[in-house]
Amino acid sequence: MSRKKKVVIAASVLGFLGFLIVIAWGERGAIDLYQLRLKRDRMHQTNLELQKGNEALFRAIQRLKHDLEFVEDIARRELGLIRQDEVVVLKKR
């Protein structure tokens, strides 16, 4: 094989390796694409969790607007309210 042919082959191999390096590690390369996909998947999961939370809040708001027993239960638990005819009995610890 002639020296000129060896130089052309070596230059081609180096060029191909450089091309692979740019594809893998360059801006918008394979590694960047992989990281973006991971970020997208995390954001999708976060969106699903937020959606579930929003639906739960919506249901709670609807119950607060239309379910008097639910409102009473919250008033009893969170505010310690009682009805007029009830007596509170405290236990000693």
N, C-alpha and C. Protein backbone atom coordinates (compact mmCIF):
# COMPACT_ATOMS: atom_id res chain seq x y z
N MET A 1 0.85 -1.17 0.00
CA MET A 1 0.00 0.00 0.00
C MET A 1 0.90 1.23 0.00
N SER A 2 0.55 2.19 -0.81
CA SER A 2 1.39 3.38 -0.93
C SER A 2 1.18 4.31 0.25
N ARG A 3 2.18 5.15 0.44
CA ARG A 3 2.15 6.11 1.55
C ARG A 3 0.96 7.06 1.42
N LYS A 4 0.66 7.49 0.22
CA LYS A 4 -0.45 8.41 -0.02
C LYS A 4 -1.78 7.74 0.36
N LYS A 5 -1.93 6.48 0.03
CA LYS A 5 -3.15 5.76 0.35
C LYS A 5 -3.30 5.60 1.87
N LYS A 6 -2.19 5.34 2.57
CA LYS A 6 -2.22 5.22 4.03
C LYS A 6 -2.63 6.54 4.69
N VAL A 7 -2.12 7.64 4.15
CA VAL A 7 -2.46 8.96 4.69
C VAL A 7 -3.96 9.23 4.48
N VAL A 8 -4.49 8.88 3.33
CA VAL A 8 -5.91 9.11 3.04
C VAL A 8 -6.77 8.25 3.98
N ILE A 9 -6.37 7.00 4.19
CA ILE A 9 -7.12 6.12 5.09
C ILE A 9 -7.07 6.65 6.52
N ALA A 10 -5.88 7.07 6.98
CA ALA A 10 -5.73 7.60 8.34
C ALA A 10 -6.57 8.86 8.51
N ALA A 11 -6.54 9.75 7.52
CA ALA A 11 -7.33 10.98 7.57
C ALA A 11 -8.83 10.65 7.59
N SER A 12 -9.23 9.66 6.83
CA SER A 12 -10.64 9.25 6.80
C SER A 12 -11.08 8.70 8.14
N VAL A 13 -10.23 7.85 8.74
CA VAL A 13 -10.54 7.27 10.05
C VAL A 13 -10.62 8.38 11.10
N LEU A 14 -9.66 9.30 11.09
CA LEU A 14 -9.68 10.42 12.04
C LEU A 14 -10.91 11.30 11.83
N GLY A 15 -11.24 11.55 10.60
CA GLY A 15 -12.44 12.34 10.29
C GLY A 15 -13.69 11.66 10.79
N PHE A 16 -13.76 10.33 10.56
CA PHE A 16 -14.92 9.57 11.02
C PHE A 16 -15.02 9.57 12.54
N LEU A 17 -13.90 9.41 13.24
CA LEU A 17 -13.88 9.45 14.69
C LEU A 17 -14.29 10.84 15.20
N GLY A 18 -13.80 11.88 14.55
CA GLY A 18 -14.20 13.24 14.92
C GLY A 18 -15.70 13.44 14.73
N PHE A 19 -16.22 12.90 13.65
CA PHE A 19 -17.65 12.97 13.38
C PHE A 19 -18.44 12.26 14.49
N LEU A 20 -17.99 11.09 14.90
CA LEU A 20 -18.66 10.35 15.97
C LEU A 20 -18.61 11.11 17.29
N ILE A 21 -17.48 11.75 17.56
CA ILE A 21 -17.34 12.53 18.81
C ILE A 21 -18.32 13.70 18.80
N VAL A 22 -18.42 14.38 17.67
CA VAL A 22 -19.35 15.51 17.57
C VAL A 22 -20.80 15.02 17.73
N ILE A 23 -21.12 13.88 17.13
CA ILE A 23 -22.48 13.34 17.25
C ILE A 23 -22.79 13.00 18.70
N ALA A 24 -21.84 12.40 19.39
CA ALA A 24 -22.10 11.95 20.76
C ALA A 24 -22.06 13.10 21.76
N TRP A 25 -21.01 13.92 21.73
CA TRP A 25 -20.81 14.91 22.78
C TRP A 25 -21.05 16.35 22.35
N GLY A 26 -21.29 16.59 21.12
CA GLY A 26 -21.50 17.96 20.66
C GLY A 26 -22.83 18.52 21.11
N GLU A 27 -22.99 19.81 20.90
CA GLU A 27 -24.26 20.45 21.23
C GLU A 27 -25.36 19.79 20.41
N ARG A 28 -26.45 19.44 21.09
CA ARG A 28 -27.56 18.70 20.48
C ARG A 28 -27.12 17.32 20.00
N GLY A 29 -26.14 16.76 20.67
CA GLY A 29 -25.66 15.43 20.34
C GLY A 29 -26.47 14.36 21.05
N ALA A 30 -26.01 13.13 20.96
CA ALA A 30 -26.73 12.00 21.52
C ALA A 30 -26.85 12.11 23.04
N ILE A 31 -25.81 12.55 23.72
CA ILE A 31 -25.86 12.67 25.18
C ILE A 31 -26.85 13.76 25.58
N ASP A 32 -26.81 14.88 24.89
CA ASP A 32 -27.74 15.97 25.16
C ASP A 32 -29.18 15.51 24.91
N LEU A 33 -29.38 14.76 23.84
CA LEU A 33 -30.71 14.23 23.53
C LEU A 33 -31.20 13.30 24.64
N TYR A 34 -30.32 12.45 25.13
CA TYR A 34 -30.68 11.54 26.23
C TYR A 34 -31.07 12.32 27.48
N GLN A 35 -30.30 13.35 27.82
CA GLN A 35 -30.61 14.16 28.99
C GLN A 35 -31.94 14.90 28.82
N LEU A 36 -32.21 15.38 27.63
CA LEU A 36 -33.48 16.06 27.37
C LEU A 36 -34.65 15.10 27.50
N ARG A 37 -34.47 13.87 27.04
CA ARG A 37 -35.54 12.88 27.18
C ARG A 37 -35.80 12.57 28.65
N LEU A 38 -34.74 12.45 29.45
CA LEU A 38 -34.92 12.22 30.89
C LEU A 38 -35.67 13.38 31.53
N LYS A 39 -35.30 14.60 31.16
CA LYS A 39 -35.96 15.78 31.70
C LYS A 39 -37.43 15.81 31.29
N ARG A 40 -37.71 15.46 30.05
CA ARG A 40 -39.10 15.41 29.57
C ARG A 40 -39.91 14.40 30.36
N ASP A 41 -39.32 13.24 30.60
CA ASP A 41 -40.03 12.20 31.35
C ASP A 41 -40.31 12.64 32.79
N ARG A 42 -39.33 13.31 33.42
CA ARG A 42 -39.54 13.81 34.78
C ARG A 42 -40.65 14.86 34.79
N MET A 43 -40.66 15.74 33.80
CA MET A 43 -41.68 16.78 33.74
C MET A 43 -43.06 16.16 33.49
N HIS A 44 -43.10 15.14 32.68
CA HIS A 44 -44.38 14.44 32.42
C HIS A 44 -44.91 13.83 33.72
N GLN A 45 -44.03 13.20 34.49
CA GLN A 45 -44.44 12.60 35.76
C GLN A 45 -44.92 13.68 36.73
N THR A 46 -44.21 14.80 36.79
CA THR A 46 -44.62 15.92 37.65
C THR A 46 -45.99 16.44 37.23
N ASN A 47 -46.21 16.55 35.92
CA ASN A 47 -47.51 17.03 35.43
C ASN A 47 -48.63 16.08 35.82
N LEU A 48 -48.38 14.77 35.74
CA LEU A 48 -49.41 13.81 36.15
C LEU A 48 -49.74 13.95 37.63
N GLU A 49 -48.70 14.12 38.46
CA GLU A 49 -48.93 14.29 39.90
C GLU A 49 -49.71 15.58 40.18
N LEU A 50 -49.36 16.66 39.49
CA LEU A 50 -50.08 17.92 39.67
C LEU A 50 -51.53 17.80 39.21
N GLN A 51 -51.74 17.07 38.13
CA GLN A 51 -53.10 16.86 37.64
C GLN A 51 -53.95 16.12 38.67
N LYS A 52 -53.37 15.08 39.27
CA LYS A 52 -54.10 14.33 40.31
C LYS A 52 -54.41 15.24 41.50
N GLY A 53 -53.45 16.06 41.89
CA GLY A 53 -53.68 16.99 42.99
C GLY A 53 -54.77 17.99 42.66
N ASN A 54 -54.76 18.50 41.44
CA ASN A 54 -55.79 19.45 41.01
C ASN A 54 -57.18 18.81 41.02
N GLU A 55 -57.25 17.56 40.58
CA GLU A 55 -58.54 16.87 40.58
C GLU A 55 -59.05 16.68 42.01
N ALA A 56 -58.15 16.33 42.93
CA ALA A 56 -58.55 16.15 44.33
C ALA A 56 -59.04 17.47 44.92
N LEU A 57 -58.34 18.56 44.61
CA LEU A 57 -58.77 19.88 45.10
C LEU A 57 -60.12 20.27 44.50
N PHE A 58 -60.32 19.97 43.23
CA PHE A 58 -61.59 20.29 42.59
C PHE A 58 -62.73 19.54 43.27
N ARG A 59 -62.51 18.24 43.55
CA ARG A 59 -63.54 17.46 44.23
C ARG A 59 -63.82 18.02 45.63
N ALA A 60 -62.76 18.42 46.34
CA ALA A 60 -62.95 19.00 47.68
C ALA A 60 -63.74 20.30 47.60
N ILE A 61 -63.43 21.12 46.62
CA ILE A 61 -64.16 22.40 46.45
C ILE A 61 -65.63 22.12 46.15
N GLN A 62 -65.90 21.15 45.28
CA GLN A 62 -67.29 20.81 44.97
C GLN A 62 -68.03 20.33 46.21
N ARG A 63 -67.36 19.51 47.03
CA ARG A 63 -67.99 19.03 48.26
C ARG A 63 -68.22 20.18 49.24
N LEU A 64 -67.27 21.12 49.31
CA LEU A 64 -67.45 22.26 50.21
C LEU A 64 -68.64 23.12 49.77
N LYS A 65 -68.86 23.19 48.47
CA LYS A 65 -69.97 24.00 47.96
C LYS A 65 -71.32 23.31 48.12
N HIS A 66 -71.34 21.98 48.03
CA HIS A 66 -72.63 21.29 47.92
C HIS A 66 -72.91 20.25 49.01
N ASP A 67 -71.95 19.89 49.85
CA ASP A 67 -72.15 18.81 50.82
C ASP A 67 -72.00 19.38 52.24
N LEU A 68 -73.13 19.65 52.86
CA LEU A 68 -73.11 20.27 54.20
C LEU A 68 -72.50 19.34 55.25
N GLU A 69 -72.68 18.04 55.11
CA GLU A 69 -72.08 17.11 56.06
C GLU A 69 -70.56 17.16 55.99
N PHE A 70 -70.02 17.34 54.81
CA PHE A 70 -68.57 17.46 54.63
C PHE A 70 -68.06 18.73 55.32
N VAL A 71 -68.79 19.83 55.13
CA VAL A 71 -68.42 21.10 55.77
C VAL A 71 -68.48 20.95 57.29
N GLU A 72 -69.53 20.29 57.78
CA GLU A 72 -69.66 20.08 59.22
C GLU A 72 -68.50 19.23 59.76
N ASP A 73 -68.15 18.19 59.04
CA ASP A 73 -67.05 17.32 59.47
C ASP A 73 -65.74 18.10 59.55
N ILE A 74 -65.48 18.95 58.59
CA ILE A 74 -64.26 19.76 58.61
C ILE A 74 -64.30 20.75 59.77
N ALA A 75 -65.45 21.38 59.98
CA ALA A 75 -65.58 22.34 61.08
C ALA A 75 -65.34 21.65 62.42
N ARG A 76 -65.82 20.43 62.56
CA ARG A 76 -65.62 19.70 63.81
C ARG A 76 -64.15 19.32 64.00
N ARG A 77 -63.55 18.79 62.94
CA ARG A 77 -62.16 18.32 63.06
C ARG A 77 -61.15 19.47 63.16
N GLU A 78 -61.26 20.43 62.28
CA GLU A 78 -60.23 21.46 62.20
C GLU A 78 -60.46 22.64 63.14
N LEU A 79 -61.70 22.96 63.41
CA LEU A 79 -62.01 24.12 64.24
C LEU A 79 -62.51 23.74 65.62
N GLY A 80 -62.77 22.46 65.83
CA GLY A 80 -63.24 22.01 67.14
C GLY A 80 -64.64 22.48 67.48
N LEU A 81 -65.47 22.74 66.47
CA LEU A 81 -66.83 23.23 66.71
C LEU A 81 -67.74 22.08 67.13
N ILE A 82 -68.79 22.43 67.89
CA ILE A 82 -69.79 21.47 68.32
C ILE A 82 -71.17 22.04 68.06
N ARG A 83 -72.17 21.16 68.10
CA ARG A 83 -73.56 21.63 67.95
C ARG A 83 -74.03 22.23 69.26
N GLN A 84 -75.17 22.94 69.22
CA GLN A 84 -75.69 23.59 70.42
C GLN A 84 -76.04 22.59 71.52
N ASP A 85 -76.57 21.46 71.15
CA ASP A 85 -77.02 20.51 72.17
C ASP A 85 -75.95 19.50 72.58
N GLU A 86 -74.71 19.67 72.12
CA GLU A 86 -73.65 18.73 72.46
C GLU A 86 -72.83 19.23 73.64
N VAL A 87 -72.23 18.29 74.37
CA VAL A 87 -71.36 18.60 75.49
C VAL A 87 -70.00 18.00 75.20
N VAL A 88 -68.95 18.76 75.47
CA VAL A 88 -67.60 18.28 75.25
C VAL A 88 -67.11 17.64 76.54
N VAL A 89 -66.62 16.42 76.42
CA VAL A 89 -66.06 15.71 77.57
C VAL A 89 -64.56 15.57 77.33
N LEU A 90 -63.77 16.12 78.24
CA LEU A 90 -62.32 16.05 78.10
C LEU A 90 -61.77 14.91 78.93
N LYS A 91 -60.80 14.19 78.40
CA LYS A 91 -60.17 13.10 79.13
C LYS A 91 -58.88 13.62 79.75
N LYS A 92 -58.61 13.14 80.97
CA LYS A 92 -57.33 13.47 81.59
C LYS A 92 -56.27 12.55 81.03
N ARG A 93 -55.08 13.06 80.88
CA ARG A 93 -53.98 12.22 80.37
C ARG A 93 -53.11 11.75 81.47
